[in-house]
Amino acid sequence: MTKRALIIDDERLARTELKNMLADFPDIEVVGEAANANEGIEKTEMLSPDLLFLDIQMPDKTGFEMLSEMERTPRVIFTTAYDEYAIKAFEYNALDYMLKPIDPQRLADAIQKLQQEDKEKQDATNHNKLFENDQVFVKDGDHCWFVKLGNIRLFESVGNYARVYFDNNKPLILKSLNALEERLDDKVFFRANRKHIVNMRMIDKIDTYFNGGLILEMKGGEKIEVSRRQAVKFKDMMSL
């Protein structure tokens, strides 16, 4: 499957060189370039790339600061002239960390790693997909529940945990929201924003919000903001 890539680097020559190198990989389509972090955020929202080739040291803000401001992040391969950021890069779940000037073999290795991860993830997802009539086991400390997935109205990110909302219960489970999203049926569960996945059958009321966003009121009374970008997707899914 072709991956859409965005190159973010303040050096024009570095962007051009990397783009030329990526022409040798038919599975990677470069859909755009950005010369700084703010432009990178804007183009990520506009183009929805699967992969970022991201410089770290840029004039307006670092690549790390850019990622921390983003609602959702694609896979990231850092490209930098400095080796001292490698450990921090992998705290951001980086796929790879390449030093400039980029070695063609290192680039090939990074692309191969991406392809292998995608294959493993797809195999696991197909095997472990969860649907609304499935019963799931939820454990929080000494408390345990068997819950029909369709009765869960909301998942909320809390660091490396997720809070699960059903009936009057809100237990925490050791699962990231991204991991849950991969397993949940996207015809029923919708990623409203960086922190929430909602059960669309459990939405009680929808209100418009500023800047093109939405506010969803769940059957339990929780109010969830849908970002402008996700609101467009939500409206498309819910329209006739």
Protein backbone atom coordinates (compact mmCIF):
# COMPACT_ATOMS: atom_id res chain seq x y z
CA MET A 1 0.00 0.00 0.00
CA THR A 2 1.35 3.42 -0.98
CA LYS A 3 2.25 5.71 1.91
CA ARG A 4 1.70 9.46 1.63
CA ALA A 5 4.73 11.34 2.98
CA LEU A 6 5.30 14.95 4.02
CA ILE A 7 8.85 16.35 4.28
CA ILE A 8 9.33 19.02 6.97
CA ASP A 9 12.74 20.72 7.00
CA ASP A 10 13.84 24.36 7.01
CA GLU A 11 16.63 23.63 4.49
CA ARG A 12 15.34 23.64 0.92
CA LEU A 13 18.29 21.63 -0.39
CA ALA A 14 17.74 18.96 2.27
CA ARG A 15 14.07 18.67 1.26
CA THR A 16 14.98 18.39 -2.42
CA GLU A 17 17.67 15.79 -1.79
CA LEU A 18 15.36 13.62 0.32
CA LYS A 19 12.53 13.95 -2.20
CA ASN A 20 14.89 12.80 -4.98
CA MET A 21 16.00 9.82 -2.88
CA LEU A 22 12.40 8.83 -2.15
CA ALA A 23 11.68 8.70 -5.90
CA ASP A 24 13.41 5.29 -5.81
CA PHE A 25 10.65 3.94 -3.53
CA PRO A 26 7.37 3.48 -5.45
CA ASP A 27 5.48 2.76 -2.21
CA ILE A 28 6.23 6.28 -0.91
CA GLU A 29 4.39 9.24 -2.44
CA VAL A 30 5.68 12.66 -1.38
CA VAL A 31 2.49 14.75 -1.17
CA GLY A 32 4.07 17.96 0.10
CA GLU A 33 6.86 19.87 1.79
CA ALA A 34 7.00 22.33 4.69
CA ALA A 35 9.79 24.76 5.60
CA ASN A 36 8.99 25.09 9.31
CA ALA A 37 6.98 23.51 12.12
CA ASN A 38 3.91 25.75 11.85
CA GLU A 39 3.66 25.06 8.13
CA GLY A 40 4.19 21.39 8.94
CA ILE A 41 1.19 21.33 11.29
CA GLU A 42 -0.97 23.12 8.72
CA LYS A 43 -0.01 20.79 5.87
CA THR A 44 -0.39 17.69 8.03
CA GLU A 45 -3.98 18.73 8.78
CA MET A 46 -4.63 19.57 5.15
CA LEU A 47 -2.93 16.61 3.42
CA SER A 48 -3.35 13.81 6.02
CA PRO A 49 0.00 12.12 5.31
CA ASP A 50 0.76 8.65 6.64
CA LEU A 51 4.41 9.50 7.30
CA LEU A 52 6.45 12.56 8.28
CA PHE A 53 10.13 13.03 7.49
CA LEU A 54 10.77 15.58 10.22
CA ASP A 55 13.78 17.76 11.00
CA ILE A 56 14.34 18.57 14.68
CA GLN A 57 16.13 21.93 14.78
CA MET A 58 14.01 24.51 12.95
CA PRO A 59 13.75 28.30 13.40
CA ASP A 60 10.21 28.67 14.79
CA LYS A 61 10.05 25.56 16.98
CA THR A 62 11.60 22.13 17.18
CA GLY A 63 10.18 19.00 15.62
CA PHE A 64 9.41 17.75 19.13
CA GLU A 65 7.42 20.90 19.96
CA MET A 66 5.55 20.54 16.69
CA LEU A 67 4.52 16.95 17.49
CA SER A 68 3.37 17.91 20.99
CA GLU A 69 0.96 20.47 19.48
CA MET A 70 -0.58 18.09 16.98
CA GLU A 71 -3.92 16.44 17.58
CA ARG A 72 -2.92 13.22 15.86
CA THR A 73 0.48 12.32 14.51
CA PRO A 74 1.36 10.11 11.54
CA ARG A 75 4.38 7.82 11.73
CA VAL A 76 7.58 9.86 12.07
CA ILE A 77 11.10 9.40 10.73
CA PHE A 78 13.37 12.08 12.17
CA THR A 79 16.01 13.54 9.84
CA THR A 80 18.62 15.65 11.62
CA ALA A 81 22.26 16.65 11.66
CA TYR A 82 22.47 16.03 15.43
CA ASP A 83 22.79 12.65 17.10
CA GLU A 84 22.10 13.82 20.68
CA TYR A 85 18.32 13.75 20.22
CA ALA A 86 18.06 10.05 19.38
CA ILE A 87 16.80 8.89 22.79
CA LYS A 88 14.25 11.68 23.01
CA ALA A 89 13.09 10.90 19.46
CA PHE A 90 12.03 7.41 20.44
CA GLU A 91 10.01 8.83 23.35
CA TYR A 92 7.83 10.20 20.54
CA ASN A 93 7.40 6.69 19.12
CA ALA A 94 9.60 7.51 16.14
CA LEU A 95 9.85 4.86 13.46
CA ASP A 96 13.49 5.77 12.81
CA TYR A 97 16.15 8.44 13.36
CA MET A 98 18.44 9.29 10.44
CA LEU A 99 21.46 11.55 10.49
CA LYS A 100 22.17 13.97 7.66
CA PRO A 101 23.55 13.56 5.08
CA ILE A 102 21.12 10.67 4.74
CA ASP A 103 22.66 7.40 3.65
CA PRO A 104 20.59 5.67 0.91
CA GLN A 105 20.88 2.29 2.65
CA ARG A 106 19.67 3.78 5.97
CA LEU A 107 16.69 5.23 4.13
CA ALA A 108 15.96 1.86 2.53
CA ASP A 109 16.16 0.20 5.96
CA ALA A 110 13.70 2.74 7.43
CA ILE A 111 11.20 2.19 4.60
CA GLN A 112 11.51 -1.58 5.01
CA LYS A 113 10.85 -1.19 8.74
CA LEU A 114 7.71 0.82 7.97
CA GLN A 115 6.46 -1.85 5.56
CA GLN A 116 7.14 -4.65 8.04
CA GLU A 117 5.34 -2.80 10.87
CA ASP A 118 2.34 -2.19 8.60
CA LYS A 119 2.16 -5.87 7.68
CA GLU A 120 2.38 -7.00 11.32
CA LYS A 121 -0.17 -4.39 12.41
CA GLN A 122 -2.62 -5.39 9.67
CA ASP A 123 -2.28 -9.08 10.55
CA ALA A 124 -2.88 -8.34 14.24
CA THR A 125 -5.78 -6.00 13.53
CA ASN A 126 -7.56 -8.48 11.28
CA HIS A 127 -7.14 -11.17 13.91
CA ASN A 128 -8.15 -9.08 16.92
CA LYS A 129 -10.88 -6.79 15.57
CA LEU A 130 -13.62 -6.07 18.09
CA PHE A 131 -17.30 -5.50 17.22
CA GLU A 132 -20.16 -4.00 19.22
CA ASN A 133 -21.72 -7.35 20.18
CA ASP A 134 -18.43 -8.72 21.52
CA GLN A 135 -18.06 -9.11 25.28
CA VAL A 136 -14.85 -7.56 26.63
CA PHE A 137 -13.14 -8.07 29.98
CA VAL A 138 -12.34 -4.85 31.86
CA LYS A 139 -10.19 -4.91 35.00
CA ASP A 140 -9.28 -1.97 37.23
CA GLY A 141 -7.47 -3.00 40.42
CA ASP A 142 -9.68 -5.50 42.24
CA HIS A 143 -12.76 -4.62 40.18
CA CYS A 144 -13.66 -6.66 37.08
CA TRP A 145 -16.47 -6.42 34.54
CA PHE A 146 -17.64 -8.30 31.46
CA VAL A 147 -19.05 -5.59 29.23
CA LYS A 148 -20.73 -5.72 25.85
CA LEU A 149 -18.61 -3.42 23.69
CA GLY A 150 -21.71 -1.67 22.35
CA ASN A 151 -22.56 -0.56 25.90
CA ILE A 152 -19.32 1.41 26.18
CA ARG A 153 -20.11 4.99 25.25
CA LEU A 154 -16.67 6.58 25.50
CA PHE A 155 -12.91 5.92 25.75
CA GLU A 156 -10.75 8.71 27.18
CA SER A 157 -6.95 8.89 27.04
CA VAL A 158 -5.21 9.31 30.40
CA GLY A 159 -1.48 9.12 29.70
CA ASN A 160 -0.66 5.51 28.82
CA TYR A 161 -4.07 4.42 30.12
CA ALA A 162 -7.61 4.72 28.81
CA ARG A 163 -10.69 5.45 30.90
CA VAL A 164 -13.68 3.34 29.86
CA TYR A 165 -17.17 4.83 30.31
CA PHE A 166 -20.14 2.44 30.65
CA ASP A 167 -23.22 2.66 32.87
CA ASN A 168 -21.98 4.54 35.98
CA ASN A 169 -18.48 3.04 35.78
CA LYS A 170 -15.26 4.72 34.64
CA PRO A 171 -12.40 2.20 35.14
CA LEU A 172 -8.87 2.73 33.84
CA ILE A 173 -7.22 0.12 31.64
CA LEU A 174 -3.59 -0.10 30.54
CA LYS A 175 -4.21 0.53 26.84
CA SER A 176 -3.38 3.52 24.68
CA LEU A 177 -6.15 5.19 22.71
CA ASN A 178 -4.25 4.50 19.46
CA ALA A 179 -4.11 0.77 20.23
CA LEU A 180 -7.84 0.73 21.00
CA GLU A 181 -8.69 2.65 17.84
CA GLU A 182 -6.96 0.02 15.71
CA ARG A 183 -9.12 -2.76 17.16
CA LEU A 184 -12.49 -1.02 17.33
CA ASP A 185 -15.06 -1.13 14.54
CA ASP A 186 -14.87 2.31 12.90
CA LYS A 187 -18.49 2.04 11.78
CA VAL A 188 -19.48 2.38 15.46
CA PHE A 189 -16.54 4.03 17.26
CA PHE A 190 -15.23 7.40 16.13
CA ARG A 191 -12.00 9.20 17.09
CA ALA A 192 -13.42 12.61 18.02
CA ASN A 193 -10.10 14.18 19.03
CA ARG A 194 -6.67 13.37 20.46
CA LYS A 195 -8.16 12.26 23.80
CA HIS A 196 -11.53 10.65 23.01
CA ILE A 197 -13.13 7.82 21.04
CA VAL A 198 -16.94 7.91 21.12
CA ASN A 199 -19.60 5.29 20.45
CA MET A 200 -21.71 6.95 17.75
CA ARG A 201 -24.78 5.03 18.87
CA MET A 202 -24.43 6.63 22.32
CA ILE A 203 -24.55 10.25 21.14
CA ASP A 204 -27.56 12.05 22.60
CA LYS A 205 -27.12 15.52 21.08
CA ILE A 206 -24.88 17.34 18.58
CA ASP A 207 -24.17 21.08 18.73
CA THR A 208 -22.03 23.27 16.48
CA TYR A 209 -18.84 24.71 17.95
CA PHE A 210 -16.63 27.61 16.91
CA ASN A 211 -14.23 27.25 13.99
CA GLY A 212 -16.28 24.51 12.32
CA GLY A 213 -16.06 22.01 15.18
CA LEU A 214 -18.81 20.12 16.98
CA ILE A 215 -19.80 19.31 20.55
CA LEU A 216 -21.17 15.80 21.14
CA GLU A 217 -23.27 15.21 24.24
CA MET A 218 -23.14 11.55 25.21
CA LYS A 219 -25.97 9.61 26.87
CA GLY A 220 -24.01 9.77 30.13
CA GLY A 221 -23.90 13.57 29.97
CA GLU A 222 -20.26 13.91 28.90
CA LYS A 223 -19.58 16.68 26.37
CA ILE A 224 -16.90 15.87 23.82
CA GLU A 225 -15.35 18.38 21.44
CA VAL A 226 -14.82 17.27 17.84
CA SER A 227 -12.03 19.15 16.12
CA ARG A 228 -12.67 20.98 12.86
CA ARG A 229 -10.85 18.37 10.83
CA GLN A 230 -12.57 15.42 12.51
CA ALA A 231 -15.94 17.20 12.28
CA VAL A 232 -15.72 17.08 8.47
CA LYS A 233 -15.11 13.34 8.63
CA PHE A 234 -17.90 12.89 11.21
CA LYS A 235 -20.45 14.74 9.06
CA ASP A 236 -19.50 12.65 6.02
CA MET A 237 -19.97 9.43 8.00
CA MET A 238 -23.32 10.48 9.46
CA SER A 239 -24.83 11.98 6.28
CA LEU A 240 -27.15 10.17 3.87
